[in-house]
């Protein structure tokens, strides 16, 4: 099994080759074709199984293939929700690396950092927003993060977000993104709260 056989675009294959990625992992083999086809999916994956590429590659391809709005500053078309600032930085770096031959803007917002630069980045326009729930809510309340153009929503390490008490924040955020969207949820475990979340917010 190769990345070519999963139906990925040439720009992504080029970036993968430059990063010396040759063989997809099991989660990538299963998730990428389904995500490219526009399905919602639940992925059971530990850290280190290649799950970031399993959602980042189809996300990049779908945004490039989709029509971009022509006017005004760009609002996030994809939102990746993660539990910690460390993971936010890591995921954003991976997305930039896979998408380096595509003209898409990636921004991170997380707590423990100044609001000012984050507000500036959001104002300049962003295609892909990687955020922790608490700080995203802060931006939503200030009106600096608008989620009404989100086409693809990723919940990464959903079990850790629940463990950290982010369920109310996650529900608020899920209530603010358009109902017509694609949702991918990744978690190492599927406790009842995650199943409930999936039933409520996924197709």
N, C-alpha and C. Protein backbone atom coordinates (compact mmCIF):
# COMPACT_ATOMS: atom_id res chain seq x y z
N UNK A 1 0.86 -1.20 0.00
CA UNK A 1 0.00 0.00 0.00
C UNK A 1 0.89 1.25 0.00
N UNK A 2 0.59 2.19 -0.91
CA UNK A 2 1.37 3.43 -0.99
C UNK A 2 0.44 4.63 -0.77
N UNK A 3 1.06 5.81 -0.55
CA UNK A 3 0.25 7.03 -0.42
C UNK A 3 -0.46 7.35 -1.74
N UNK A 4 0.18 7.04 -2.87
CA UNK A 4 -0.45 7.27 -4.19
C UNK A 4 -1.78 6.51 -4.27
N UNK A 5 -1.75 5.26 -3.80
CA UNK A 5 -2.95 4.42 -3.93
C UNK A 5 -4.10 4.89 -3.04
N UNK A 6 -3.83 5.79 -2.10
CA UNK A 6 -4.89 6.32 -1.23
C UNK A 6 -5.63 7.49 -1.89
N UNK A 7 -5.14 7.91 -3.07
CA UNK A 7 -5.85 8.97 -3.80
C UNK A 7 -5.44 10.39 -3.43
N UNK A 8 -4.22 10.53 -2.90
CA UNK A 8 -3.77 11.88 -2.49
C UNK A 8 -3.25 12.69 -3.68
N UNK A 9 -3.38 14.01 -3.56
CA UNK A 9 -2.99 14.94 -4.62
C UNK A 9 -1.46 14.98 -4.78
N UNK A 10 -0.97 15.30 -6.00
CA UNK A 10 0.47 15.37 -6.26
C UNK A 10 1.24 16.29 -5.30
N UNK A 11 0.65 17.43 -4.93
CA UNK A 11 1.34 18.37 -4.02
C UNK A 11 1.59 17.73 -2.66
N UNK A 12 0.65 16.90 -2.21
CA UNK A 12 0.82 16.22 -0.92
C UNK A 12 1.84 15.08 -1.05
N UNK A 13 1.77 14.35 -2.16
CA UNK A 13 2.73 13.25 -2.38
C UNK A 13 4.15 13.79 -2.42
N UNK A 14 4.31 14.96 -3.01
CA UNK A 14 5.63 15.59 -3.09
C UNK A 14 6.16 15.93 -1.69
N UNK A 15 5.29 16.52 -0.87
CA UNK A 15 5.69 16.87 0.51
C UNK A 15 6.02 15.61 1.32
N UNK A 16 5.23 14.56 1.14
CA UNK A 16 5.50 13.30 1.85
C UNK A 16 6.84 12.72 1.45
N UNK A 17 7.11 12.73 0.15
CA UNK A 17 8.39 12.20 -0.36
C UNK A 17 9.56 13.02 0.22
N UNK A 18 9.39 14.33 0.27
CA UNK A 18 10.46 15.20 0.81
C UNK A 18 10.68 14.96 2.31
N UNK A 19 9.63 14.49 2.99
CA UNK A 19 9.76 14.16 4.42
C UNK A 19 10.13 12.69 4.64
N UNK A 20 10.43 12.00 3.53
CA UNK A 20 10.80 10.56 3.59
C UNK A 20 9.72 9.66 4.17
N UNK A 21 8.45 10.05 3.94
CA UNK A 21 7.34 9.15 4.31
C UNK A 21 7.04 8.29 3.09
N UNK A 22 7.15 6.99 3.24
CA UNK A 22 6.95 6.12 2.08
C UNK A 22 5.73 5.21 2.22
N UNK A 23 5.53 4.68 3.43
CA UNK A 23 4.46 3.70 3.59
C UNK A 23 3.44 4.20 4.61
N UNK A 24 2.15 4.24 4.23
CA UNK A 24 1.14 4.68 5.20
C UNK A 24 0.97 3.69 6.36
N UNK A 25 0.60 4.21 7.52
CA UNK A 25 0.36 3.37 8.70
C UNK A 25 -1.09 2.85 8.64
N UNK A 26 -1.44 1.85 9.47
CA UNK A 26 -2.82 1.30 9.44
C UNK A 26 -3.92 2.37 9.59
N UNK A 27 -3.74 3.32 10.52
CA UNK A 27 -4.80 4.34 10.69
C UNK A 27 -4.91 5.22 9.44
N UNK A 28 -3.78 5.49 8.78
CA UNK A 28 -3.81 6.30 7.55
C UNK A 28 -4.50 5.54 6.42
N UNK A 29 -4.20 4.25 6.29
CA UNK A 29 -4.79 3.42 5.23
C UNK A 29 -6.32 3.39 5.38
N UNK A 30 -6.77 3.31 6.65
CA UNK A 30 -8.22 3.22 6.88
C UNK A 30 -8.91 4.58 6.81
N UNK A 31 -8.26 5.62 7.36
CA UNK A 31 -8.95 6.91 7.51
C UNK A 31 -8.92 7.78 6.26
N UNK A 32 -7.78 7.80 5.55
CA UNK A 32 -7.61 8.78 4.46
C UNK A 32 -8.68 8.63 3.35
N UNK A 33 -8.91 7.42 2.81
CA UNK A 33 -9.93 7.33 1.74
C UNK A 33 -11.32 7.76 2.20
N UNK A 34 -11.69 7.39 3.43
CA UNK A 34 -13.01 7.77 3.96
C UNK A 34 -13.11 9.28 4.14
N UNK A 35 -12.04 9.89 4.67
CA UNK A 35 -12.04 11.33 4.88
C UNK A 35 -12.07 12.08 3.55
N UNK A 36 -11.31 11.59 2.56
CA UNK A 36 -11.32 12.22 1.23
C UNK A 36 -12.70 12.16 0.60
N UNK A 37 -13.44 11.10 0.90
CA UNK A 37 -14.79 10.94 0.34
C UNK A 37 -15.82 11.79 1.08
N UNK A 38 -15.38 12.50 2.13
CA UNK A 38 -16.29 13.43 2.82
C UNK A 38 -17.06 12.84 3.99
N UNK A 39 -16.71 11.61 4.39
CA UNK A 39 -17.44 10.98 5.50
C UNK A 39 -16.99 11.53 6.85
N UNK A 40 -17.90 11.50 7.82
CA UNK A 40 -17.51 11.69 9.22
C UNK A 40 -16.85 10.41 9.68
N UNK A 41 -15.87 10.52 10.59
CA UNK A 41 -15.33 9.26 11.10
C UNK A 41 -14.80 9.37 12.51
N UNK A 42 -14.86 8.22 13.20
CA UNK A 42 -14.28 8.06 14.53
C UNK A 42 -13.04 7.20 14.35
N UNK A 43 -11.89 7.70 14.79
CA UNK A 43 -10.65 6.94 14.67
C UNK A 43 -10.09 6.61 16.03
N UNK A 44 -9.84 5.33 16.27
CA UNK A 44 -9.20 4.91 17.51
C UNK A 44 -7.70 4.88 17.28
N UNK A 45 -6.96 5.81 17.90
CA UNK A 45 -5.53 5.88 17.62
C UNK A 45 -4.77 6.46 18.80
N UNK A 46 -3.69 5.77 19.17
CA UNK A 46 -2.76 6.29 20.18
C UNK A 46 -1.86 7.32 19.51
N UNK A 47 -1.16 8.10 20.33
CA UNK A 47 -0.11 9.00 19.83
C UNK A 47 0.99 8.13 19.22
N UNK A 48 1.56 8.60 18.10
CA UNK A 48 2.66 7.84 17.50
C UNK A 48 2.23 6.83 16.46
N UNK A 49 0.93 6.81 16.10
CA UNK A 49 0.45 5.87 15.08
C UNK A 49 0.30 6.53 13.72
N UNK A 50 0.66 7.81 13.65
CA UNK A 50 0.52 8.54 12.38
C UNK A 50 -0.85 9.14 12.19
N UNK A 51 -1.58 9.38 13.31
CA UNK A 51 -2.95 9.87 13.15
C UNK A 51 -3.01 11.32 12.67
N UNK A 52 -1.96 12.13 12.97
CA UNK A 52 -2.00 13.52 12.50
C UNK A 52 -2.07 13.55 10.97
N UNK A 53 -1.24 12.74 10.31
CA UNK A 53 -1.29 12.67 8.84
C UNK A 53 -2.62 12.08 8.37
N UNK A 54 -3.21 11.19 9.17
CA UNK A 54 -4.48 10.56 8.79
C UNK A 54 -5.60 11.58 8.65
N UNK A 55 -5.54 12.69 9.42
CA UNK A 55 -6.55 13.74 9.22
C UNK A 55 -6.01 14.94 8.46
N UNK A 56 -4.71 15.25 8.60
CA UNK A 56 -4.16 16.45 7.97
C UNK A 56 -4.12 16.33 6.45
N UNK A 57 -3.76 15.17 5.93
CA UNK A 57 -3.63 15.01 4.47
C UNK A 57 -4.98 15.17 3.76
N UNK A 58 -6.03 14.44 4.18
CA UNK A 58 -7.33 14.66 3.51
C UNK A 58 -7.88 16.06 3.73
N UNK A 59 -7.63 16.63 4.92
CA UNK A 59 -8.10 17.99 5.20
C UNK A 59 -7.49 18.98 4.20
N UNK A 60 -6.18 18.91 4.01
CA UNK A 60 -5.50 19.82 3.07
C UNK A 60 -6.04 19.64 1.65
N UNK A 61 -6.20 18.39 1.25
CA UNK A 61 -6.68 18.12 -0.11
C UNK A 61 -8.09 18.63 -0.32
N UNK A 62 -8.96 18.43 0.65
CA UNK A 62 -10.35 18.86 0.50
C UNK A 62 -10.46 20.39 0.47
N UNK A 63 -9.62 21.08 1.24
CA UNK A 63 -9.66 22.55 1.22
C UNK A 63 -9.18 23.09 -0.12
N UNK A 64 -8.14 22.48 -0.66
CA UNK A 64 -7.60 22.95 -1.95
C UNK A 64 -8.60 22.67 -3.08
N UNK A 65 -9.27 21.51 -3.01
CA UNK A 65 -10.23 21.17 -4.06
C UNK A 65 -11.52 21.98 -3.94
N UNK A 66 -11.86 22.40 -2.71
CA UNK A 66 -13.10 23.16 -2.50
C UNK A 66 -12.95 24.58 -3.03
N UNK A 67 -14.05 25.26 -3.24
CA UNK A 67 -13.98 26.65 -3.72
C UNK A 67 -13.70 27.59 -2.57
N UNK A 68 -12.77 28.47 -2.77
CA UNK A 68 -12.44 29.45 -1.72
C UNK A 68 -13.33 30.69 -1.88
N UNK A 69 -13.81 31.24 -0.76
CA UNK A 69 -14.55 32.49 -0.88
C UNK A 69 -13.62 33.59 -1.38
N UNK A 70 -14.09 34.42 -2.29
CA UNK A 70 -13.20 35.39 -2.97
C UNK A 70 -13.04 36.70 -2.21
N UNK A 71 -14.03 37.07 -1.39
CA UNK A 71 -13.97 38.43 -0.81
C UNK A 71 -13.72 38.40 0.69
N UNK A 72 -13.19 39.51 1.19
CA UNK A 72 -13.00 39.69 2.63
C UNK A 72 -11.89 38.83 3.20
N UNK A 73 -11.51 39.08 4.47
CA UNK A 73 -10.47 38.28 5.08
C UNK A 73 -10.94 36.83 5.23
N UNK A 74 -9.99 35.91 5.10
CA UNK A 74 -10.37 34.50 5.14
C UNK A 74 -10.70 34.06 6.57
N UNK A 75 -11.86 33.42 6.70
CA UNK A 75 -12.24 32.83 7.99
C UNK A 75 -11.80 31.37 7.97
N UNK A 76 -11.56 30.77 9.15
CA UNK A 76 -11.13 29.37 9.17
C UNK A 76 -12.12 28.45 8.45
N UNK A 77 -11.57 27.65 7.52
CA UNK A 77 -12.39 26.65 6.82
C UNK A 77 -12.22 25.27 7.46
N UNK A 78 -11.15 25.15 8.26
CA UNK A 78 -10.95 23.91 9.02
C UNK A 78 -10.55 24.29 10.44
N UNK A 79 -11.11 23.55 11.41
CA UNK A 79 -10.78 23.76 12.82
C UNK A 79 -10.29 22.44 13.40
N UNK A 80 -9.09 22.48 13.98
CA UNK A 80 -8.53 21.29 14.65
C UNK A 80 -8.46 21.62 16.13
N UNK A 81 -9.24 20.89 16.92
CA UNK A 81 -9.32 21.13 18.37
C UNK A 81 -8.43 20.12 19.07
N UNK A 82 -7.53 20.60 19.93
CA UNK A 82 -6.57 19.73 20.62
C UNK A 82 -6.55 20.07 22.12
N UNK A 83 -6.10 19.13 22.97
CA UNK A 83 -6.16 19.39 24.41
C UNK A 83 -5.09 20.35 24.95
N UNK A 84 -3.88 20.39 24.36
CA UNK A 84 -2.78 21.15 24.97
C UNK A 84 -2.06 22.04 23.96
N UNK A 85 -1.35 23.03 24.48
CA UNK A 85 -0.59 23.93 23.60
C UNK A 85 0.52 23.17 22.88
N UNK A 86 1.15 22.19 23.58
CA UNK A 86 2.22 21.41 22.96
C UNK A 86 1.69 20.68 21.72
N UNK A 87 0.51 20.07 21.88
CA UNK A 87 -0.07 19.34 20.74
C UNK A 87 -0.49 20.32 19.64
N UNK A 88 -0.98 21.50 20.04
CA UNK A 88 -1.37 22.51 19.03
C UNK A 88 -0.17 22.87 18.15
N UNK A 89 0.97 23.11 18.78
CA UNK A 89 2.19 23.49 18.04
C UNK A 89 2.63 22.34 17.13
N UNK A 90 2.62 21.13 17.70
CA UNK A 90 3.04 19.93 16.96
C UNK A 90 2.15 19.68 15.73
N UNK A 91 0.83 19.74 15.94
CA UNK A 91 -0.12 19.50 14.85
C UNK A 91 0.02 20.58 13.77
N UNK A 92 0.13 21.84 14.19
CA UNK A 92 0.27 22.94 13.22
C UNK A 92 1.54 22.76 12.39
N UNK A 93 2.64 22.37 13.04
CA UNK A 93 3.90 22.14 12.31
C UNK A 93 3.74 21.03 11.27
N UNK A 94 3.06 19.96 11.66
CA UNK A 94 2.83 18.84 10.73
C UNK A 94 1.97 19.28 9.55
N UNK A 95 0.89 20.02 9.84
CA UNK A 95 -0.01 20.47 8.78
C UNK A 95 0.76 21.38 7.80
N UNK A 96 1.57 22.29 8.35
CA UNK A 96 2.38 23.16 7.47
C UNK A 96 3.35 22.36 6.62
N UNK A 97 3.95 21.35 7.22
CA UNK A 97 4.93 20.52 6.51
C UNK A 97 4.26 19.74 5.37
N UNK A 98 3.09 19.13 5.64
CA UNK A 98 2.39 18.37 4.59
C UNK A 98 1.84 19.30 3.51
N UNK A 99 1.48 20.53 3.93
CA UNK A 99 0.83 21.44 2.99
C UNK A 99 1.77 22.48 2.40
N UNK A 100 3.09 22.22 2.45
CA UNK A 100 4.03 23.28 2.05
C UNK A 100 3.96 23.64 0.57
N UNK A 101 3.38 22.77 -0.27
CA UNK A 101 3.21 23.11 -1.69
C UNK A 101 1.80 23.58 -2.00
N UNK A 102 1.06 23.93 -0.94
CA UNK A 102 -0.31 24.42 -1.11
C UNK A 102 -0.40 25.79 -0.42
N UNK A 103 -1.17 26.68 -0.99
CA UNK A 103 -1.22 28.02 -0.42
C UNK A 103 -2.34 28.11 0.62
N UNK A 104 -2.09 27.52 1.78
CA UNK A 104 -3.07 27.56 2.86
C UNK A 104 -2.38 28.09 4.11
N UNK A 105 -3.11 28.93 4.84
CA UNK A 105 -2.56 29.58 6.02
C UNK A 105 -2.99 28.82 7.28
N UNK A 106 -2.02 28.47 8.12
CA UNK A 106 -2.29 27.72 9.36
C UNK A 106 -1.96 28.61 10.56
N UNK A 107 -2.88 28.71 11.52
CA UNK A 107 -2.66 29.52 12.72
C UNK A 107 -2.99 28.71 13.96
N UNK A 108 -2.23 28.93 15.04
CA UNK A 108 -2.53 28.26 16.32
C UNK A 108 -3.02 29.29 17.33
N UNK A 109 -3.98 28.88 18.16
CA UNK A 109 -4.34 29.69 19.33
C UNK A 109 -4.45 28.78 20.55
N UNK A 110 -3.76 29.19 21.63
CA UNK A 110 -3.77 28.40 22.86
C UNK A 110 -3.51 29.33 24.04
N UNK A 111 -3.86 28.86 25.24
CA UNK A 111 -3.66 29.64 26.46
C UNK A 111 -2.18 29.72 26.82
N UNK A 112 -1.86 30.62 27.76
CA UNK A 112 -0.47 30.76 28.21
C UNK A 112 0.37 31.59 27.24
N UNK A 113 -0.28 32.18 26.24
CA UNK A 113 0.41 33.06 25.28
C UNK A 113 -0.44 34.31 25.13
N UNK A 114 0.19 35.40 24.70
CA UNK A 114 -0.53 36.68 24.56
C UNK A 114 -1.66 36.60 23.55
N UNK A 115 -2.75 37.30 23.85
CA UNK A 115 -3.89 37.34 22.92
C UNK A 115 -3.57 38.17 21.68
N UNK A 116 -2.78 39.23 21.84
CA UNK A 116 -2.52 40.19 20.76
C UNK A 116 -2.07 39.57 19.45
N UNK A 117 -0.95 38.82 19.45
CA UNK A 117 -0.48 38.21 18.21
C UNK A 117 -1.50 37.24 17.61
N UNK A 118 -2.23 36.54 18.49
CA UNK A 118 -3.25 35.59 18.00
C UNK A 118 -4.38 36.35 17.30
N UNK A 119 -4.80 37.47 17.88
CA UNK A 119 -5.85 38.31 17.26
C UNK A 119 -5.37 38.82 15.90
N UNK A 120 -4.12 39.28 15.85
CA UNK A 120 -3.55 39.78 14.58
C UNK A 120 -3.57 38.70 13.50
N UNK A 121 -3.15 37.49 13.88
CA UNK A 121 -3.13 36.37 12.92
C UNK A 121 -4.54 36.05 12.42
N UNK A 122 -5.51 36.05 13.32
CA UNK A 122 -6.90 35.77 12.93
C UNK A 122 -7.44 36.87 12.00
N UNK A 123 -7.08 38.12 12.29
CA UNK A 123 -7.54 39.25 11.46
C UNK A 123 -6.96 39.17 10.06
N UNK A 124 -5.70 38.71 9.96
CA UNK A 124 -5.04 38.63 8.65
C UNK A 124 -5.71 37.59 7.75
N UNK A 125 -6.39 36.65 8.35
CA UNK A 125 -7.06 35.61 7.57
C UNK A 125 -6.36 34.28 7.74
N UNK A 126 -7.16 33.25 7.93
CA UNK A 126 -6.61 31.92 8.21
C UNK A 126 -7.48 30.87 7.53
N UNK A 127 -6.84 29.83 7.00
CA UNK A 127 -7.59 28.72 6.40
C UNK A 127 -7.80 27.59 7.41
N UNK A 128 -6.73 27.30 8.16
CA UNK A 128 -6.76 26.17 9.10
C UNK A 128 -6.39 26.70 10.49
N UNK A 129 -7.29 26.51 11.44
CA UNK A 129 -7.08 26.98 12.81
C UNK A 129 -6.87 25.79 13.73
N UNK A 130 -5.75 25.78 14.44
CA UNK A 130 -5.46 24.72 15.43
C UNK A 130 -5.60 25.38 16.80
N UNK A 131 -6.49 24.87 17.65
CA UNK A 131 -6.82 25.60 18.88
C UNK A 131 -7.06 24.67 20.06
N UNK A 132 -6.77 25.20 21.26
CA UNK A 132 -7.22 24.52 22.48
C UNK A 132 -8.59 25.10 22.85
N UNK A 133 -9.47 24.30 23.46
CA UNK A 133 -10.86 24.75 23.66
C UNK A 133 -11.00 26.02 24.48
N UNK A 134 -10.28 26.14 25.60
CA UNK A 134 -10.45 27.30 26.48
C UNK A 134 -10.12 28.61 25.78
N UNK A 135 -8.97 28.65 25.11
CA UNK A 135 -8.56 29.89 24.44
C UNK A 135 -9.46 30.19 23.25
N UNK A 136 -9.94 29.16 22.57
CA UNK A 136 -10.84 29.39 21.43
C UNK A 136 -12.13 30.05 21.91
N UNK A 137 -12.65 29.59 23.05
CA UNK A 137 -13.86 30.21 23.63
C UNK A 137 -13.60 31.69 23.93
N UNK A 138 -12.40 32.00 24.48
CA UNK A 138 -12.04 33.41 24.75
C UNK A 138 -12.15 34.24 23.48
N UNK A 139 -11.59 33.70 22.39
CA UNK A 139 -11.62 34.43 21.11
C UNK A 139 -13.05 34.53 20.56
N UNK A 140 -13.83 33.47 20.74
CA UNK A 140 -15.22 33.49 20.26
C UNK A 140 -16.00 34.59 21.00
N UNK A 141 -15.76 34.70 22.31
CA UNK A 141 -16.48 35.70 23.12
C UNK A 141 -16.08 37.12 22.72
N UNK A 142 -14.83 37.31 22.33
CA UNK A 142 -14.36 38.63 21.90
C UNK A 142 -14.75 38.92 20.45
N UNK A 143 -15.24 37.90 19.75
CA UNK A 143 -15.60 38.07 18.34
C UNK A 143 -14.40 38.03 17.40
N UNK A 144 -13.24 37.56 17.90
CA UNK A 144 -12.04 37.53 17.05
C UNK A 144 -11.91 36.20 16.30
N UNK A 145 -12.58 35.16 16.77
CA UNK A 145 -12.58 33.88 16.04
C UNK A 145 -13.99 33.59 15.58
N UNK A 146 -14.18 33.57 14.26
CA UNK A 146 -15.51 33.29 13.70
C UNK A 146 -15.48 31.91 13.07
N UNK A 147 -16.44 31.08 13.46
CA UNK A 147 -16.42 29.68 13.04
C UNK A 147 -17.51 29.35 12.01
N UNK A 148 -18.16 30.38 11.46
CA UNK A 148 -19.30 30.12 10.58
C UNK A 148 -18.89 29.64 9.18
N UNK A 149 -17.58 29.62 8.88
CA UNK A 149 -17.15 29.13 7.56
C UNK A 149 -16.46 27.77 7.65
N UNK A 150 -16.47 27.16 8.85
CA UNK A 150 -15.77 25.88 9.04
C UNK A 150 -16.45 24.77 8.23
N UNK A 151 -15.66 24.12 7.38
CA UNK A 151 -16.16 23.00 6.56
C UNK A 151 -15.74 21.65 7.15
N UNK A 152 -14.59 21.65 7.83
CA UNK A 152 -14.05 20.41 8.38
C UNK A 152 -13.64 20.66 9.83
N UNK A 153 -14.12 19.80 10.73
CA UNK A 153 -13.79 19.90 12.15
C UNK A 153 -13.08 18.62 12.58
N UNK A 154 -11.93 18.79 13.22
CA UNK A 154 -11.18 17.64 13.74
C UNK A 154 -11.12 17.75 15.26
N UNK A 155 -11.49 16.69 15.96
CA UNK A 155 -11.30 16.63 17.41
C UNK A 155 -10.17 15.63 17.64
N UNK A 156 -9.01 16.13 18.04
CA UNK A 156 -7.84 15.26 18.21
C UNK A 156 -7.62 14.98 19.69
N UNK A 157 -7.37 13.70 20.02
CA UNK A 157 -7.20 13.28 21.42
C UNK A 157 -8.41 13.71 22.25
N UNK A 158 -9.59 13.34 21.75
CA UNK A 158 -10.85 13.72 22.40
C UNK A 158 -10.92 13.22 23.84
N UNK A 159 -10.38 12.04 24.10
CA UNK A 159 -10.41 11.49 25.47
C UNK A 159 -9.63 12.38 26.44
N UNK A 160 -8.48 12.91 25.98
CA UNK A 160 -7.69 13.81 26.85
C UNK A 160 -8.43 15.12 27.08
N UNK A 161 -9.14 15.60 26.07
CA UNK A 161 -9.92 16.85 26.27
C UNK A 161 -11.00 16.64 27.34
N UNK A 162 -11.63 15.45 27.32
CA UNK A 162 -12.64 15.15 28.34
C UNK A 162 -12.00 15.06 29.72
N UNK A 163 -10.85 14.35 29.79
CA UNK A 163 -10.14 14.21 31.07
C UNK A 163 -9.77 15.56 31.66
N UNK A 164 -9.50 16.52 30.79
CA UNK A 164 -9.09 17.85 31.25
C UNK A 164 -10.29 18.76 31.53
N UNK A 165 -11.49 18.21 31.44
CA UNK A 165 -12.69 18.97 31.80
C UNK A 165 -13.21 19.90 30.71
N UNK A 166 -12.85 19.60 29.45
CA UNK A 166 -13.23 20.50 28.35
C UNK A 166 -14.59 20.18 27.72
N UNK A 167 -15.33 19.23 28.27
CA UNK A 167 -16.59 18.84 27.62
C UNK A 167 -17.54 20.03 27.40
N UNK A 168 -17.80 20.87 28.42
CA UNK A 168 -18.71 22.02 28.18
C UNK A 168 -18.19 22.94 27.06
N UNK A 169 -16.88 23.19 27.07
CA UNK A 169 -16.28 24.05 26.03
C UNK A 169 -16.42 23.41 24.65
N UNK A 170 -16.16 22.09 24.58
CA UNK A 170 -16.28 21.38 23.29
C UNK A 170 -17.70 21.49 22.76
N UNK A 171 -18.67 21.32 23.65
CA UNK A 171 -20.08 21.38 23.21
C UNK A 171 -20.44 22.79 22.71
N UNK A 172 -19.91 23.80 23.39
CA UNK A 172 -20.17 25.19 22.94
C UNK A 172 -19.59 25.42 21.55
N UNK A 173 -18.37 24.94 21.35
CA UNK A 173 -17.70 25.12 20.06
C UNK A 173 -18.44 24.34 18.98
N UNK A 174 -18.80 23.09 19.28
CA UNK A 174 -19.53 22.26 18.31
C UNK A 174 -20.87 22.88 17.94
N UNK A 175 -21.46 23.59 18.89
CA UNK A 175 -22.73 24.27 18.62
C UNK A 175 -22.59 25.50 17.73
N UNK A 176 -21.35 26.00 17.57
CA UNK A 176 -21.14 27.23 16.80
C UNK A 176 -20.63 26.98 15.38
N UNK A 177 -20.16 25.77 15.09
CA UNK A 177 -19.71 25.50 13.72
C UNK A 177 -20.91 25.07 12.87
N UNK A 178 -20.86 25.31 11.56
CA UNK A 178 -22.01 24.97 10.72
C UNK A 178 -22.40 23.49 10.84
N UNK A 179 -23.70 23.23 10.78
CA UNK A 179 -24.17 21.84 10.86
C UNK A 179 -23.72 21.05 9.63
N UNK A 180 -23.65 21.74 8.47
CA UNK A 180 -23.19 21.10 7.24
C UNK A 180 -21.67 21.13 7.21
N UNK A 181 -21.03 20.12 7.78
CA UNK A 181 -19.57 20.07 7.83
C UNK A 181 -19.15 18.62 7.91
N UNK A 182 -17.87 18.39 7.78
CA UNK A 182 -17.32 17.06 7.99
C UNK A 182 -16.64 17.04 9.36
N UNK A 183 -16.87 15.99 10.13
CA UNK A 183 -16.28 15.89 11.47
C UNK A 183 -15.47 14.60 11.60
N UNK A 184 -14.22 14.73 12.03
CA UNK A 184 -13.36 13.57 12.29
C UNK A 184 -12.95 13.62 13.76
N UNK A 185 -13.21 12.54 14.47
CA UNK A 185 -12.88 12.50 15.89
C UNK A 185 -11.88 11.38 16.14
N UNK A 186 -10.76 11.73 16.78
CA UNK A 186 -9.73 10.74 17.09
C UNK A 186 -9.56 10.64 18.59
N UNK A 187 -9.45 9.42 19.08
CA UNK A 187 -9.37 9.19 20.51
C UNK A 187 -8.67 7.86 20.76
N UNK A 188 -7.91 7.77 21.86
CA UNK A 188 -7.26 6.50 22.20
C UNK A 188 -8.28 5.54 22.80
N UNK A 189 -9.28 6.10 23.49
CA UNK A 189 -10.33 5.26 24.11
C UNK A 189 -11.69 5.84 23.72
N UNK A 190 -12.71 5.00 23.79
CA UNK A 190 -14.06 5.48 23.45
C UNK A 190 -15.00 5.25 24.64
N UNK A 191 -14.85 6.11 25.65
CA UNK A 191 -15.76 6.00 26.79
C UNK A 191 -17.13 6.54 26.39
N UNK A 192 -18.10 6.34 27.30
CA UNK A 192 -19.49 6.65 26.95
C UNK A 192 -19.68 8.13 26.57
N UNK A 193 -18.94 9.04 27.22
CA UNK A 193 -19.10 10.48 26.91
C UNK A 193 -18.70 10.78 25.46
N UNK A 194 -17.67 10.08 24.98
CA UNK A 194 -17.22 10.31 23.61
C UNK A 194 -18.24 9.74 22.63
N UNK A 195 -18.77 8.57 22.95
CA UNK A 195 -19.82 7.98 22.09
C UNK A 195 -21.03 8.91 22.03
N UNK A 196 -21.37 9.50 23.18
CA UNK A 196 -22.50 10.43 23.25
C UNK A 196 -22.26 11.66 22.40
N UNK A 197 -21.03 12.18 22.51
CA UNK A 197 -20.62 13.35 21.72
C UNK A 197 -20.74 13.05 20.23
N UNK A 198 -20.26 11.87 19.85
CA UNK A 198 -20.30 11.46 18.45
C UNK A 198 -21.75 11.35 17.96
N UNK A 199 -22.60 10.74 18.76
CA UNK A 199 -24.01 10.58 18.39
C UNK A 199 -24.68 11.95 18.21
N UNK A 200 -24.30 12.87 19.07
CA UNK A 200 -24.94 14.19 19.07
C UNK A 200 -24.45 15.06 17.91
N UNK A 201 -23.16 14.99 17.59
CA UNK A 201 -22.58 15.98 16.69
C UNK A 201 -22.04 15.42 15.39
N UNK A 202 -22.14 14.11 15.15
CA UNK A 202 -21.58 13.55 13.92
C UNK A 202 -22.65 12.84 13.09
N UNK A 203 -22.35 12.77 11.78
CA UNK A 203 -23.27 12.07 10.88
C UNK A 203 -22.79 10.64 10.69
